Amino acid sequence: MPTFDVVSEVDMQEVKNAVDQAAREVNTRFDFKDTNSSIELSGDEVKLSSSTEDRLKALTTVLEEKLVKRKVSLKSLERGKVEEGSRGSARQTIKIVAGIDQEHAKSISKTIREQGPKGVTAQIQGDRLRVTSKKRDDLQQVIELLKAQDFGIPLQFNNFRD
């Protein structure tokens, strides 16, 4: 029986490269001079800090531009709230989310059951979803259906087997 997996993955090497590029750009740009702005990656979190909230927003924009150029979906970013520091400084933590959590997996599975072709089943397997059908064409219809929907997370389709 043909199957494929629905996953939500983030290439952490590309994230690391984007953070490095953004940090280099911040160090050379005139509008960030004397603002003590910094971007750091630690594990699956990006820590941003700057002298003002306005500069923090500009810092976030620079980071997002670099991530988009490296084809990392902005849907995989979970922005924390902006924290006030001493002397008017601002900090923010952005978490990089990978994998499909139970809530999203249930909503994707429900969408496949309600709107997909008959005979297509979806099983939740940890942080991924396995979709099975007797016909390959039905699986391709499911992929198109899921691409048209917005679940709030980036979706990839891999491990297609006949």
C-alpha atoms as a PDB file:
ATOM      1  CA  MET A   1       0.000   0.000   0.000  1.00  0.00           C
ATOM      2  CA  PRO A   2       1.332   3.450  -0.894  1.00  0.00           C
ATOM      3  CA  THR A   3       2.215   5.691   2.058  1.00  0.00           C
ATOM      4  CA  PHE A   4       3.944   8.965   2.865  1.00  0.00           C
ATOM      5  CA  ASP A   5       4.837  10.915   5.998  1.00  0.00           C
ATOM      6  CA  VAL A   6       3.773  14.455   6.875  1.00  0.00           C
ATOM      7  CA  VAL A   7       6.526  16.095   8.950  1.00  0.00           C
ATOM      8  CA  SER A   8       7.520  19.546  10.144  1.00  0.00           C
ATOM      9  CA  GLU A   9      11.304  19.844  10.132  1.00  0.00           C
ATOM     10  CA  VAL A  10      13.737  22.745  10.392  1.00  0.00           C
ATOM     11  CA  ASP A  11      17.275  22.594   9.014  1.00  0.00           C
ATOM     12  CA  MET A  12      19.223  23.806  12.063  1.00  0.00           C
ATOM     13  CA  GLN A  13      22.400  24.286  10.006  1.00  0.00           C
ATOM     14  CA  GLU A  14      20.559  26.823   7.848  1.00  0.00           C
ATOM     15  CA  VAL A  15      19.252  28.536  10.998  1.00  0.00           C
ATOM     16  CA  LYS A  16      22.813  28.706  12.353  1.00  0.00           C
ATOM     17  CA  ASN A  17      24.068  30.189   9.071  1.00  0.00           C
ATOM     18  CA  ALA A  18      21.235  32.758   9.022  1.00  0.00           C
ATOM     19  CA  VAL A  19      21.962  33.816  12.630  1.00  0.00           C
ATOM     20  CA  ASP A  20      25.685  34.168  11.825  1.00  0.00           C
ATOM     21  CA  GLN A  21      24.920  36.274   8.739  1.00  0.00           C
ATOM     22  CA  ALA A  22      22.483  38.470  10.675  1.00  0.00           C
ATOM     23  CA  ALA A  23      25.027  38.976  13.485  1.00  0.00           C
ATOM     24  CA  ARG A  24      27.688  40.000  10.957  1.00  0.00           C
ATOM     25  CA  GLU A  25      25.312  42.435   9.277  1.00  0.00           C
ATOM     26  CA  VAL A  26      24.312  43.976  12.628  1.00  0.00           C
ATOM     27  CA  ASN A  27      27.980  44.507  13.507  1.00  0.00           C
ATOM     28  CA  THR A  28      28.634  46.413  10.257  1.00  0.00           C
ATOM     29  CA  ARG A  29      25.416  48.447   9.863  1.00  0.00           C
ATOM     30  CA  PHE A  30      25.535  52.100  10.872  1.00  0.00           C
ATOM     31  CA  ASP A  31      22.030  52.185  12.366  1.00  0.00           C
ATOM     32  CA  PHE A  32      23.041  49.496  14.910  1.00  0.00           C
ATOM     33  CA  LYS A  33      26.205  51.341  15.977  1.00  0.00           C
ATOM     34  CA  ASP A  34      26.399  51.917  19.775  1.00  0.00           C
ATOM     35  CA  THR A  35      23.124  50.048  20.407  1.00  0.00           C
ATOM     36  CA  ASN A  36      24.716  46.933  21.951  1.00  0.00           C
ATOM     37  CA  SER A  37      22.580  44.793  19.632  1.00  0.00           C
ATOM     38  CA  SER A  38      23.305  41.081  19.525  1.00  0.00           C
ATOM     39  CA  ILE A  39      21.895  37.872  18.080  1.00  0.00           C
ATOM     40  CA  GLU A  40      22.877  34.533  19.613  1.00  0.00           C
ATOM     41  CA  LEU A  41      21.803  30.960  18.879  1.00  0.00           C
ATOM     42  CA  SER A  42      21.781  28.533  21.783  1.00  0.00           C
ATOM     43  CA  GLY A  43      20.237  25.140  21.159  1.00  0.00           C
ATOM     44  CA  ASP A  44      16.850  25.730  19.577  1.00  0.00           C
ATOM     45  CA  GLU A  45      16.509  29.335  20.777  1.00  0.00           C
ATOM     46  CA  VAL A  46      17.656  32.601  19.251  1.00  0.00           C
ATOM     47  CA  LYS A  47      18.301  35.361  21.793  1.00  0.00           C
ATOM     48  CA  LEU A  48      18.008  38.947  20.623  1.00  0.00           C
ATOM     49  CA  SER A  49      18.982  41.992  22.651  1.00  0.00           C
ATOM     50  CA  SER A  50      19.310  45.691  21.879  1.00  0.00           C
ATOM     51  CA  SER A  51      19.313  49.093  23.562  1.00  0.00           C
ATOM     52  CA  THR A  52      15.728  50.002  22.588  1.00  0.00           C
ATOM     53  CA  GLU A  53      12.567  48.193  21.580  1.00  0.00           C
ATOM     54  CA  ASP A  54      12.685  49.922  18.197  1.00  0.00           C
ATOM     55  CA  ARG A  55      16.181  48.568  17.488  1.00  0.00           C
ATOM     56  CA  LEU A  56      14.988  45.115  18.675  1.00  0.00           C
ATOM     57  CA  LYS A  57      12.260  45.165  16.014  1.00  0.00           C
ATOM     58  CA  ALA A  58      14.852  46.099  13.372  1.00  0.00           C
ATOM     59  CA  LEU A  59      17.063  43.267  14.653  1.00  0.00           C
ATOM     60  CA  THR A  60      14.151  40.821  14.311  1.00  0.00           C
ATOM     61  CA  THR A  61      13.557  42.029  10.749  1.00  0.00           C
ATOM     62  CA  VAL A  62      17.210  41.446   9.819  1.00  0.00           C
ATOM     63  CA  LEU A  63      17.060  37.908  11.268  1.00  0.00           C
ATOM     64  CA  GLU A  64      13.794  37.102   9.460  1.00  0.00           C
ATOM     65  CA  GLU A  65      15.222  38.325   6.134  1.00  0.00           C
ATOM     66  CA  LYS A  66      18.223  36.028   6.518  1.00  0.00           C
ATOM     67  CA  LEU A  67      16.015  33.060   7.460  1.00  0.00           C
ATOM     68  CA  VAL A  68      13.778  33.599   4.434  1.00  0.00           C
ATOM     69  CA  LYS A  69      16.798  33.785   2.104  1.00  0.00           C
ATOM     70  CA  ARG A  70      17.940  30.426   3.502  1.00  0.00           C
ATOM     71  CA  LYS A  71      14.464  28.926   2.958  1.00  0.00           C
ATOM     72  CA  VAL A  72      13.625  28.498   6.653  1.00  0.00           C
ATOM     73  CA  SER A  73       9.887  29.003   7.176  1.00  0.00           C
ATOM     74  CA  LEU A  74       8.927  31.809   9.550  1.00  0.00           C
ATOM     75  CA  LYS A  75       6.053  29.589  10.712  1.00  0.00           C
ATOM     76  CA  SER A  76       8.622  27.546  12.645  1.00  0.00           C
ATOM     77  CA  LEU A  77       9.456  30.558  14.848  1.00  0.00           C
ATOM     78  CA  GLU A  78       7.698  30.990  18.178  1.00  0.00           C
ATOM     79  CA  ARG A  79       8.324  34.539  19.374  1.00  0.00           C
ATOM     80  CA  GLY A  80       8.541  35.175  23.093  1.00  0.00           C
ATOM     81  CA  LYS A  81       7.402  38.421  24.632  1.00  0.00           C
ATOM     82  CA  VAL A  82       9.696  41.449  24.653  1.00  0.00           C
ATOM     83  CA  GLU A  83      11.325  41.864  28.066  1.00  0.00           C
ATOM     84  CA  GLU A  84      12.472  45.220  29.403  1.00  0.00           C
ATOM     85  CA  GLY A  85      16.011  45.363  30.720  1.00  0.00           C
ATOM     86  CA  SER A  86      18.013  47.955  32.602  1.00  0.00           C
ATOM     87  CA  ARG A  87      18.409  51.467  31.110  1.00  0.00           C
ATOM     88  CA  GLY A  88      15.616  50.919  28.586  1.00  0.00           C
ATOM     89  CA  SER A  89      17.221  47.903  26.906  1.00  0.00           C
ATOM     90  CA  ALA A  90      15.025  45.176  25.409  1.00  0.00           C
ATOM     91  CA  ARG A  91      15.410  41.400  25.046  1.00  0.00           C
ATOM     92  CA  GLN A  92      13.453  38.728  23.217  1.00  0.00           C
ATOM     93  CA  THR A  93      13.767  34.976  22.840  1.00  0.00           C
ATOM     94  CA  ILE A  94      12.610  33.259  19.657  1.00  0.00           C
ATOM     95  CA  LYS A  95      12.149  29.489  19.894  1.00  0.00           C
ATOM     96  CA  ILE A  96      12.563  27.296  16.813  1.00  0.00           C
ATOM     97  CA  VAL A  97       9.811  24.695  16.737  1.00  0.00           C
ATOM     98  CA  ALA A  98      10.194  21.429  14.840  1.00  0.00           C
ATOM     99  CA  GLY A  99       7.868  18.451  14.747  1.00  0.00           C
ATOM    100  CA  ILE A 100       4.097  18.212  14.679  1.00  0.00           C
ATOM    101  CA  ASP A 101       2.558  18.419  18.155  1.00  0.00           C
ATOM    102  CA  GLN A 102      -0.567  16.429  19.086  1.00  0.00           C
ATOM    103  CA  GLU A 103      -2.960  19.349  18.566  1.00  0.00           C
ATOM    104  CA  HIS A 104      -1.761  20.051  15.013  1.00  0.00           C
ATOM    105  CA  ALA A 105      -1.582  16.325  14.197  1.00  0.00           C
ATOM    106  CA  LYS A 106      -5.217  15.855  15.232  1.00  0.00           C
ATOM    107  CA  SER A 107      -6.346  18.830  13.138  1.00  0.00           C
ATOM    108  CA  ILE A 108      -4.403  17.581  10.071  1.00  0.00           C
ATOM    109  CA  SER A 109      -5.830  14.077  10.542  1.00  0.00           C
ATOM    110  CA  LYS A 110      -9.356  15.500  10.869  1.00  0.00           C
ATOM    111  CA  THR A 111      -8.900  17.536   7.670  1.00  0.00           C
ATOM    112  CA  ILE A 112      -7.756  14.409   5.795  1.00  0.00           C
ATOM    113  CA  ARG A 113     -10.757  12.413   7.088  1.00  0.00           C
ATOM    114  CA  GLU A 114     -13.326  15.123   6.283  1.00  0.00           C
ATOM    115  CA  GLN A 115     -12.045  16.578   3.003  1.00  0.00           C
ATOM    116  CA  GLY A 116      -9.778  13.875   1.599  1.00  0.00           C
ATOM    117  CA  PRO A 117     -10.722  11.011  -0.712  1.00  0.00           C
ATOM    118  CA  LYS A 118     -12.352   7.893   0.739  1.00  0.00           C
ATOM    119  CA  GLY A 119     -10.039   5.090   1.793  1.00  0.00           C
ATOM    120  CA  VAL A 120      -7.259   7.424   2.995  1.00  0.00           C
ATOM    121  CA  THR A 121      -6.141   6.923   6.611  1.00  0.00           C
ATOM    122  CA  ALA A 122      -3.818   9.007   8.765  1.00  0.00           C
ATOM    123  CA  GLN A 123      -1.967   7.706  11.824  1.00  0.00           C
ATOM    124  CA  ILE A 124      -0.174   9.885  14.353  1.00  0.00           C
ATOM    125  CA  GLN A 125       3.324   8.503  15.003  1.00  0.00           C
ATOM    126  CA  GLY A 126       5.104  10.710  17.512  1.00  0.00           C
ATOM    127  CA  ASP A 127       5.944  14.012  15.816  1.00  0.00           C
ATOM    128  CA  ARG A 128       4.901  12.870  12.345  1.00  0.00           C
ATOM    129  CA  LEU A 129       1.796  11.679  10.528  1.00  0.00           C
ATOM    130  CA  ARG A 130       1.694   8.556   8.325  1.00  0.00           C
ATOM    131  CA  VAL A 131      -0.877   8.739   5.522  1.00  0.00           C
ATOM    132  CA  THR A 132      -1.925   5.493   3.806  1.00  0.00           C
ATOM    133  CA  SER A 133      -4.175   4.701   0.835  1.00  0.00           C
ATOM    134  CA  LYS A 134      -4.696   1.974  -1.731  1.00  0.00           C
ATOM    135  CA  LYS A 135      -4.277   4.430  -4.607  1.00  0.00           C
ATOM    136  CA  ARG A 136      -1.280   6.640  -5.287  1.00  0.00           C
ATOM    137  CA  ASP A 137      -3.530   9.308  -6.860  1.00  0.00           C
ATOM    138  CA  ASP A 138      -5.467   9.638  -3.604  1.00  0.00           C
ATOM    139  CA  LEU A 139      -2.229  10.357  -1.738  1.00  0.00           C
ATOM    140  CA  GLN A 140      -1.332  13.045  -4.254  1.00  0.00           C
ATOM    141  CA  GLN A 141      -4.754  14.623  -3.728  1.00  0.00           C
ATOM    142  CA  VAL A 142      -4.130  14.625   0.034  1.00  0.00           C
ATOM    143  CA  ILE A 143      -0.769  16.372  -0.463  1.00  0.00           C
ATOM    144  CA  GLU A 144      -2.467  19.077  -2.576  1.00  0.00           C
ATOM    145  CA  LEU A 145      -5.220  19.407   0.047  1.00  0.00           C
ATOM    146  CA  LEU A 146      -2.707  19.877   2.877  1.00  0.00           C
ATOM    147  CA  LYS A 147      -0.648  22.381   0.852  1.00  0.00           C
ATOM    148  CA  ALA A 148      -3.787  24.485   0.326  1.00  0.00           C
ATOM    149  CA  GLN A 149      -4.562  24.586   4.079  1.00  0.00           C
ATOM    150  CA  ASP A 150      -2.749  26.722   6.669  1.00  0.00           C
ATOM    151  CA  PHE A 151      -2.119  24.840   9.906  1.00  0.00           C
ATOM    152  CA  GLY A 152       0.293  27.414  11.362  1.00  0.00           C
ATOM    153  CA  ILE A 153       3.339  25.151  10.998  1.00  0.00           C
ATOM    154  CA  PRO A 154       5.518  24.365   7.982  1.00  0.00           C
ATOM    155  CA  LEU A 155       4.701  20.956   6.474  1.00  0.00           C
ATOM    156  CA  GLN A 156       6.944  18.705   4.405  1.00  0.00           C
ATOM    157  CA  PHE A 157       5.978  15.454   2.703  1.00  0.00           C
ATOM    158  CA  ASN A 158       8.600  12.726   2.604  1.00  0.00           C
ATOM    159  CA  ASN A 159       9.155   8.972   2.658  1.00  0.00           C
ATOM    160  CA  PHE A 160       6.730   8.396  -0.243  1.00  0.00           C
ATOM    161  CA  ARG A 161       6.517   4.631  -0.821  1.00  0.00           C
ATOM    162  CA  ASP A 162       4.591   2.587  -3.353  1.00  0.00           C
END
